[in-house]
């Protein structure tokens, strides 16, 4: 997982990621109830949260592996997302098996994907600049 180097910033970053996933699940449960469909159970919320975490970690690890082989961080992010898409496809299948309405969870999957990419790009740019920066002169 890519995290800031400063311990205090790292703690704030991890807290923001975890609280963001929890807020997403709470909001999605409310949206499902408003849509007049079966609301998400605690098991469903846990399923979504775990898939969100697996997807985020997957694209971060994949992008770090590709960082030295490509110059454009957008291309790296795209390749990492392509490699990790099966995580979201599996979640799609699991939610379909639970008879959750497709209009509801397809949007949720896109939100997970979009949020992960938006968080990944700045971190990739920092990591890329750190790797290409010349060593400090002594």
N, C-alpha and C. Protein backbone atom coordinates (compact mmCIF):
# COMPACT_ATOMS: atom_id res chain seq x y z
N UNK A 1 0.84 -1.16 0.00
CA UNK A 1 0.00 0.00 0.00
C UNK A 1 0.89 1.23 0.00
N UNK A 2 0.58 2.22 -0.80
CA UNK A 2 1.34 3.45 -0.87
C UNK A 2 0.80 4.38 0.20
N UNK A 3 1.67 4.80 1.11
CA UNK A 3 1.26 5.74 2.15
C UNK A 3 2.33 6.81 2.27
N UNK A 4 1.95 7.98 2.79
CA UNK A 4 2.95 9.04 2.98
C UNK A 4 4.06 8.59 3.92
N UNK A 5 5.25 9.19 3.77
CA UNK A 5 6.42 8.80 4.55
C UNK A 5 6.32 9.24 6.00
N UNK A 6 5.73 10.39 6.26
CA UNK A 6 5.61 10.93 7.62
C UNK A 6 4.61 10.08 8.41
N UNK A 7 4.99 9.60 9.61
CA UNK A 7 4.07 8.74 10.39
C UNK A 7 2.73 9.41 10.69
N UNK A 8 2.74 10.71 11.01
CA UNK A 8 1.49 11.40 11.32
C UNK A 8 0.60 11.48 10.08
N UNK A 9 1.18 11.81 8.92
CA UNK A 9 0.43 11.87 7.67
C UNK A 9 -0.07 10.49 7.28
N UNK A 10 0.76 9.46 7.52
CA UNK A 10 0.36 8.09 7.20
C UNK A 10 -0.88 7.70 8.01
N UNK A 11 -0.88 8.05 9.30
CA UNK A 11 -2.03 7.73 10.15
C UNK A 11 -3.28 8.46 9.66
N UNK A 12 -3.13 9.73 9.29
CA UNK A 12 -4.27 10.51 8.79
C UNK A 12 -4.77 9.91 7.47
N UNK A 13 -3.85 9.49 6.61
CA UNK A 13 -4.22 8.92 5.31
C UNK A 13 -5.00 7.62 5.51
N UNK A 14 -4.48 6.73 6.35
CA UNK A 14 -5.15 5.45 6.59
C UNK A 14 -6.51 5.66 7.23
N UNK A 15 -6.61 6.63 8.14
CA UNK A 15 -7.89 6.92 8.77
C UNK A 15 -8.88 7.42 7.73
N UNK A 16 -8.41 8.28 6.83
CA UNK A 16 -9.30 8.81 5.78
C UNK A 16 -9.79 7.70 4.86
N UNK A 17 -8.91 6.76 4.51
CA UNK A 17 -9.31 5.65 3.64
C UNK A 17 -10.36 4.78 4.32
N UNK A 18 -10.12 4.43 5.59
CA UNK A 18 -11.05 3.56 6.31
C UNK A 18 -12.37 4.25 6.56
N UNK A 19 -12.34 5.52 6.98
CA UNK A 19 -13.58 6.21 7.26
C UNK A 19 -14.35 6.47 5.97
N UNK A 20 -13.64 6.67 4.87
CA UNK A 20 -14.31 6.86 3.58
C UNK A 20 -15.08 5.63 3.16
N UNK A 21 -14.50 4.45 3.37
CA UNK A 21 -15.19 3.21 3.01
C UNK A 21 -16.42 3.00 3.88
N UNK A 22 -16.31 3.32 5.17
CA UNK A 22 -17.46 3.16 6.07
C UNK A 22 -18.58 4.12 5.69
N UNK A 23 -18.22 5.37 5.39
CA UNK A 23 -19.23 6.34 4.98
C UNK A 23 -19.90 5.93 3.68
N UNK A 24 -19.14 5.37 2.76
CA UNK A 24 -19.70 4.90 1.50
C UNK A 24 -20.75 3.83 1.75
N UNK A 25 -20.45 2.89 2.60
CA UNK A 25 -21.41 1.80 2.88
C UNK A 25 -22.66 2.33 3.56
N UNK A 26 -22.51 3.26 4.49
CA UNK A 26 -23.67 3.84 5.17
C UNK A 26 -24.54 4.59 4.17
N UNK A 27 -23.90 5.39 3.32
CA UNK A 27 -24.65 6.15 2.32
C UNK A 27 -25.34 5.22 1.34
N UNK A 28 -24.67 4.16 0.94
CA UNK A 28 -25.27 3.24 -0.01
C UNK A 28 -26.45 2.49 0.59
N UNK A 29 -26.38 2.18 1.87
CA UNK A 29 -27.51 1.54 2.53
C UNK A 29 -28.72 2.47 2.53
N UNK A 30 -28.47 3.75 2.80
CA UNK A 30 -29.56 4.72 2.78
C UNK A 30 -30.15 4.87 1.38
N UNK A 31 -29.30 4.88 0.37
CA UNK A 31 -29.76 4.99 -1.01
C UNK A 31 -30.60 3.77 -1.38
N UNK A 32 -30.17 2.59 -0.98
CA UNK A 32 -30.92 1.37 -1.28
C UNK A 32 -32.30 1.43 -0.64
N UNK A 33 -32.36 1.93 0.59
CA UNK A 33 -33.65 2.04 1.27
C UNK A 33 -34.55 3.04 0.55
N UNK A 34 -33.96 4.15 0.10
CA UNK A 34 -34.74 5.16 -0.62
C UNK A 34 -35.26 4.62 -1.94
N UNK A 35 -34.52 3.72 -2.55
CA UNK A 35 -34.92 3.18 -3.85
C UNK A 35 -36.03 2.14 -3.68
N UNK A 36 -36.42 1.83 -2.45
CA UNK A 36 -37.47 0.87 -2.21
C UNK A 36 -37.03 -0.56 -2.42
N UNK A 37 -35.75 -0.79 -2.38
CA UNK A 37 -35.22 -2.14 -2.57
C UNK A 37 -34.69 -2.65 -1.24
N UNK A 38 -34.37 -3.91 -1.23
CA UNK A 38 -33.81 -4.52 -0.03
C UNK A 38 -32.54 -3.76 0.38
N UNK A 39 -32.50 -3.34 1.62
CA UNK A 39 -31.31 -2.62 2.07
C UNK A 39 -30.18 -3.61 2.32
N UNK A 40 -28.98 -3.08 2.37
CA UNK A 40 -27.82 -3.94 2.57
C UNK A 40 -27.78 -4.43 4.01
N UNK A 41 -27.49 -5.69 4.17
CA UNK A 41 -27.32 -6.25 5.51
C UNK A 41 -25.90 -5.94 5.97
N UNK A 42 -25.63 -6.21 7.24
CA UNK A 42 -24.28 -6.01 7.77
C UNK A 42 -23.28 -6.87 7.01
N UNK A 43 -23.70 -8.07 6.61
CA UNK A 43 -22.84 -8.96 5.83
C UNK A 43 -22.52 -8.36 4.46
N UNK A 44 -23.54 -7.74 3.83
CA UNK A 44 -23.33 -7.10 2.53
C UNK A 44 -22.37 -5.92 2.64
N UNK A 45 -22.54 -5.14 3.70
CA UNK A 45 -21.67 -3.98 3.92
C UNK A 45 -20.23 -4.45 4.12
N UNK A 46 -20.05 -5.53 4.89
CA UNK A 46 -18.71 -6.07 5.10
C UNK A 46 -18.11 -6.58 3.79
N UNK A 47 -18.93 -7.21 2.98
CA UNK A 47 -18.49 -7.72 1.68
C UNK A 47 -17.99 -6.58 0.80
N UNK A 48 -18.75 -5.50 0.75
CA UNK A 48 -18.37 -4.34 -0.06
C UNK A 48 -17.10 -3.69 0.48
N UNK A 49 -17.02 -3.54 1.79
CA UNK A 49 -15.85 -2.92 2.41
C UNK A 49 -14.59 -3.73 2.15
N UNK A 50 -14.68 -5.04 2.29
CA UNK A 50 -13.52 -5.89 2.04
C UNK A 50 -13.10 -5.85 0.57
N UNK A 51 -14.06 -5.86 -0.34
CA UNK A 51 -13.74 -5.79 -1.77
C UNK A 51 -13.11 -4.45 -2.09
N UNK A 52 -13.62 -3.39 -1.48
CA UNK A 52 -13.05 -2.06 -1.69
C UNK A 52 -11.59 -2.03 -1.25
N UNK A 53 -11.31 -2.60 -0.09
CA UNK A 53 -9.93 -2.64 0.42
C UNK A 53 -9.03 -3.49 -0.48
N UNK A 54 -9.52 -4.66 -0.88
CA UNK A 54 -8.72 -5.54 -1.75
C UNK A 54 -8.42 -4.85 -3.08
N UNK A 55 -9.41 -4.17 -3.64
CA UNK A 55 -9.21 -3.49 -4.92
C UNK A 55 -8.18 -2.36 -4.78
N UNK A 56 -8.31 -1.56 -3.71
CA UNK A 56 -7.39 -0.45 -3.50
C UNK A 56 -5.96 -0.95 -3.32
N UNK A 57 -5.78 -1.97 -2.50
CA UNK A 57 -4.44 -2.52 -2.28
C UNK A 57 -3.89 -3.14 -3.57
N UNK A 58 -4.75 -3.81 -4.31
CA UNK A 58 -4.33 -4.44 -5.56
C UNK A 58 -3.81 -3.41 -6.56
N UNK A 59 -4.58 -2.32 -6.76
CA UNK A 59 -4.11 -1.33 -7.75
C UNK A 59 -2.86 -0.60 -7.27
N UNK A 60 -2.73 -0.42 -5.96
CA UNK A 60 -1.52 0.23 -5.46
C UNK A 60 -0.31 -0.67 -5.66
N UNK A 61 -0.42 -1.95 -5.33
CA UNK A 61 0.70 -2.86 -5.51
C UNK A 61 1.04 -3.05 -6.98
N UNK A 62 0.02 -3.18 -7.82
CA UNK A 62 0.24 -3.37 -9.25
C UNK A 62 0.91 -2.14 -9.86
N UNK A 63 0.47 -0.97 -9.44
CA UNK A 63 1.05 0.25 -10.00
C UNK A 63 2.50 0.42 -9.57
N UNK A 64 2.84 0.01 -8.35
CA UNK A 64 4.24 0.09 -7.91
C UNK A 64 5.12 -0.84 -8.74
N UNK A 65 4.58 -2.01 -9.10
CA UNK A 65 5.34 -2.94 -9.93
C UNK A 65 5.58 -2.37 -11.32
N UNK A 66 4.63 -1.57 -11.82
CA UNK A 66 4.73 -1.02 -13.18
C UNK A 66 5.40 0.34 -13.23
N UNK A 67 5.71 0.92 -12.08
CA UNK A 67 6.17 2.30 -12.02
C UNK A 67 7.44 2.56 -12.83
N UNK A 68 8.38 1.63 -12.81
CA UNK A 68 9.64 1.84 -13.52
C UNK A 68 9.55 1.51 -15.01
N UNK A 69 8.52 0.79 -15.41
CA UNK A 69 8.43 0.37 -16.81
C UNK A 69 7.66 1.34 -17.71
N UNK A 70 6.97 2.33 -17.12
CA UNK A 70 6.21 3.30 -17.92
C UNK A 70 6.46 4.71 -17.39
N UNK A 71 6.39 5.68 -18.29
CA UNK A 71 6.61 7.07 -17.90
C UNK A 71 5.35 7.77 -17.43
N UNK A 72 4.22 7.45 -18.03
CA UNK A 72 2.97 8.14 -17.75
C UNK A 72 2.22 7.44 -16.61
N UNK A 73 1.98 8.18 -15.51
CA UNK A 73 1.31 7.57 -14.36
C UNK A 73 -0.15 7.23 -14.67
N UNK A 74 -0.75 7.92 -15.62
CA UNK A 74 -2.13 7.59 -16.01
C UNK A 74 -2.19 6.22 -16.67
N UNK A 75 -1.18 5.93 -17.49
CA UNK A 75 -1.11 4.62 -18.13
C UNK A 75 -0.87 3.52 -17.09
N UNK A 76 -0.01 3.82 -16.13
CA UNK A 76 0.26 2.87 -15.04
C UNK A 76 -1.03 2.59 -14.28
N UNK A 77 -1.78 3.64 -13.95
CA UNK A 77 -3.04 3.47 -13.22
C UNK A 77 -4.03 2.65 -14.05
N UNK A 78 -4.10 2.92 -15.33
CA UNK A 78 -5.00 2.17 -16.20
C UNK A 78 -4.66 0.70 -16.27
N UNK A 79 -3.38 0.39 -16.38
CA UNK A 79 -2.94 -1.01 -16.42
C UNK A 79 -3.21 -1.71 -15.08
N UNK A 80 -3.00 -0.98 -13.99
CA UNK A 80 -3.25 -1.55 -12.67
C UNK A 80 -4.75 -1.84 -12.48
N UNK A 81 -5.59 -0.93 -12.95
CA UNK A 81 -7.03 -1.14 -12.85
C UNK A 81 -7.45 -2.34 -13.68
N UNK A 82 -6.90 -2.45 -14.88
CA UNK A 82 -7.22 -3.61 -15.73
C UNK A 82 -6.83 -4.92 -15.05
N UNK A 83 -5.69 -4.91 -14.39
CA UNK A 83 -5.21 -6.12 -13.71
C UNK A 83 -6.09 -6.48 -12.51
N UNK A 84 -6.65 -5.47 -11.85
CA UNK A 84 -7.41 -5.69 -10.61
C UNK A 84 -8.92 -5.72 -10.80
N UNK A 85 -9.39 -5.55 -12.01
CA UNK A 85 -10.82 -5.56 -12.28
C UNK A 85 -11.51 -6.85 -11.82
N UNK A 86 -10.87 -8.02 -11.85
CA UNK A 86 -11.55 -9.23 -11.35
C UNK A 86 -12.04 -9.12 -9.90
N UNK A 87 -11.39 -8.29 -9.08
CA UNK A 87 -11.86 -8.10 -7.70
C UNK A 87 -13.27 -7.51 -7.72
N UNK A 88 -13.48 -6.49 -8.56
CA UNK A 88 -14.79 -5.86 -8.65
C UNK A 88 -15.79 -6.76 -9.37
N UNK A 89 -15.31 -7.53 -10.33
CA UNK A 89 -16.21 -8.46 -11.02
C UNK A 89 -16.74 -9.52 -10.07
N UNK A 90 -15.89 -9.98 -9.18
CA UNK A 90 -16.32 -10.97 -8.19
C UNK A 90 -17.36 -10.36 -7.25
N UNK A 91 -17.15 -9.11 -6.83
CA UNK A 91 -18.13 -8.43 -5.99
C UNK A 91 -19.45 -8.27 -6.73
N UNK A 92 -19.37 -7.96 -8.01
CA UNK A 92 -20.56 -7.84 -8.86
C UNK A 92 -21.35 -9.15 -8.83
N UNK A 93 -20.66 -10.26 -9.01
CA UNK A 93 -21.31 -11.57 -9.01
C UNK A 93 -21.93 -11.89 -7.64
N UNK A 94 -21.20 -11.57 -6.58
CA UNK A 94 -21.71 -11.85 -5.23
C UNK A 94 -22.97 -11.04 -4.93
N UNK A 95 -22.99 -9.77 -5.34
CA UNK A 95 -24.16 -8.93 -5.09
C UNK A 95 -25.33 -9.37 -5.96
N UNK A 96 -25.06 -9.84 -7.17
CA UNK A 96 -26.12 -10.34 -8.03
C UNK A 96 -26.75 -11.60 -7.43
N UNK A 97 -25.91 -12.46 -6.84
CA UNK A 97 -26.41 -13.67 -6.19
C UNK A 97 -27.32 -13.34 -5.01
N UNK A 98 -27.06 -12.20 -4.37
CA UNK A 98 -27.87 -11.79 -3.22
C UNK A 98 -29.13 -11.04 -3.64
N UNK A 99 -29.36 -10.98 -4.95
CA UNK A 99 -30.54 -10.36 -5.52
C UNK A 99 -30.66 -8.87 -5.20
N UNK A 100 -29.53 -8.19 -5.15
CA UNK A 100 -29.52 -6.74 -4.99
C UNK A 100 -29.69 -6.15 -6.39
N UNK A 101 -30.48 -5.12 -6.50
CA UNK A 101 -30.82 -4.54 -7.80
C UNK A 101 -29.55 -4.07 -8.52
N UNK A 102 -29.37 -4.43 -9.81
CA UNK A 102 -28.16 -4.08 -10.56
C UNK A 102 -27.94 -2.58 -10.69
N UNK A 103 -29.02 -1.80 -10.81
CA UNK A 103 -28.84 -0.34 -10.92
C UNK A 103 -28.16 0.21 -9.69
N UNK A 104 -28.44 -0.38 -8.56
CA UNK A 104 -27.85 0.07 -7.30
C UNK A 104 -26.37 -0.28 -7.23
N UNK A 105 -26.04 -1.54 -7.41
CA UNK A 105 -24.65 -1.92 -7.16
C UNK A 105 -23.71 -1.61 -8.31
N UNK A 106 -24.20 -1.45 -9.54
CA UNK A 106 -23.30 -1.07 -10.64
C UNK A 106 -22.73 0.32 -10.39
N UNK A 107 -23.57 1.23 -9.92
CA UNK A 107 -23.09 2.57 -9.57
C UNK A 107 -22.10 2.53 -8.43
N UNK A 108 -22.35 1.66 -7.47
CA UNK A 108 -21.45 1.52 -6.33
C UNK A 108 -20.08 1.02 -6.79
N UNK A 109 -20.05 0.07 -7.71
CA UNK A 109 -18.78 -0.45 -8.22
C UNK A 109 -18.00 0.64 -8.95
N UNK A 110 -18.71 1.47 -9.71
CA UNK A 110 -18.04 2.58 -10.40
C UNK A 110 -17.48 3.59 -9.40
N UNK A 111 -18.21 3.82 -8.30
CA UNK A 111 -17.71 4.73 -7.27
C UNK A 111 -16.44 4.19 -6.63
N UNK A 112 -16.43 2.91 -6.34
CA UNK A 112 -15.23 2.29 -5.75
C UNK A 112 -14.05 2.44 -6.69
N UNK A 113 -14.27 2.15 -7.95
CA UNK A 113 -13.20 2.24 -8.95
C UNK A 113 -12.70 3.67 -9.11
N UNK A 114 -13.62 4.62 -9.24
CA UNK A 114 -13.25 6.02 -9.42
C UNK A 114 -12.51 6.59 -8.22
N UNK A 115 -12.99 6.28 -7.03
CA UNK A 115 -12.35 6.80 -5.82
C UNK A 115 -10.94 6.24 -5.68
N UNK A 116 -10.78 4.97 -5.97
CA UNK A 116 -9.45 4.35 -5.86
C UNK A 116 -8.47 4.99 -6.84
N UNK A 117 -8.93 5.25 -8.05
CA UNK A 117 -8.04 5.88 -9.04
C UNK A 117 -7.70 7.30 -8.63
N UNK A 118 -8.69 8.06 -8.16
CA UNK A 118 -8.42 9.45 -7.74
C UNK A 118 -7.43 9.51 -6.59
N UNK A 119 -7.45 8.54 -5.71
CA UNK A 119 -6.48 8.51 -4.61
C UNK A 119 -5.12 8.00 -5.07
N UNK A 120 -5.12 7.16 -6.08
CA UNK A 120 -3.87 6.54 -6.55
C UNK A 120 -3.00 7.53 -7.32
N UNK A 121 -3.58 8.32 -8.20
CA UNK A 121 -2.79 9.17 -9.09
C UNK A 121 -1.83 10.13 -8.36
N UNK A 122 -2.28 10.89 -7.34
CA UNK A 122 -1.31 11.76 -6.66
C UNK A 122 -0.19 10.98 -5.97
N UNK A 123 -0.53 9.83 -5.42
CA UNK A 123 0.50 9.01 -4.76
C UNK A 123 1.50 8.48 -5.78
N UNK A 124 1.01 8.09 -6.95
CA UNK A 124 1.92 7.62 -8.01
C UNK A 124 2.84 8.75 -8.47
N UNK A 125 2.29 9.94 -8.62
CA UNK A 125 3.12 11.07 -9.06
C UNK A 125 4.22 11.37 -8.05
N UNK A 126 3.88 11.31 -6.75
CA UNK A 126 4.91 11.53 -5.72
C UNK A 126 5.97 10.45 -5.76
N UNK A 127 5.54 9.20 -5.86
CA UNK A 127 6.48 8.08 -5.88
C UNK A 127 7.37 8.15 -7.13
N UNK A 128 6.77 8.50 -8.26
CA UNK A 128 7.53 8.60 -9.52
C UNK A 128 8.58 9.70 -9.40
N UNK A 129 8.20 10.85 -8.82
CA UNK A 129 9.15 11.95 -8.68
C UNK A 129 10.25 11.59 -7.69
N UNK A 130 9.93 10.84 -6.65
CA UNK A 130 10.95 10.41 -5.69
C UNK A 130 11.95 9.45 -6.33
N UNK A 131 11.47 8.60 -7.21
CA UNK A 131 12.36 7.63 -7.85
C UNK A 131 13.23 8.26 -8.93
N UNK A 132 12.75 9.31 -9.57
CA UNK A 132 13.51 9.93 -10.65
C UNK A 132 14.32 11.13 -10.20
N UNK A 133 14.14 11.56 -8.96
CA UNK A 133 14.89 12.72 -8.44
C UNK A 133 16.36 12.33 -8.29
N UNK A 134 17.25 13.29 -8.61
CA UNK A 134 18.68 13.00 -8.43
C UNK A 134 19.01 12.92 -6.94
N UNK A 135 20.02 12.13 -6.60
CA UNK A 135 20.39 12.03 -5.17
C UNK A 135 20.89 13.40 -4.66
N UNK A 136 20.64 13.69 -3.41
CA UNK A 136 21.07 14.98 -2.86
C UNK A 136 22.61 15.09 -2.85
N UNK A 137 23.08 16.28 -3.16
CA UNK A 137 24.52 16.52 -3.16
C UNK A 137 25.00 16.70 -1.73
N UNK A 138 26.16 16.12 -1.43
CA UNK A 138 26.67 16.24 -0.07
C UNK A 138 27.81 17.21 0.03
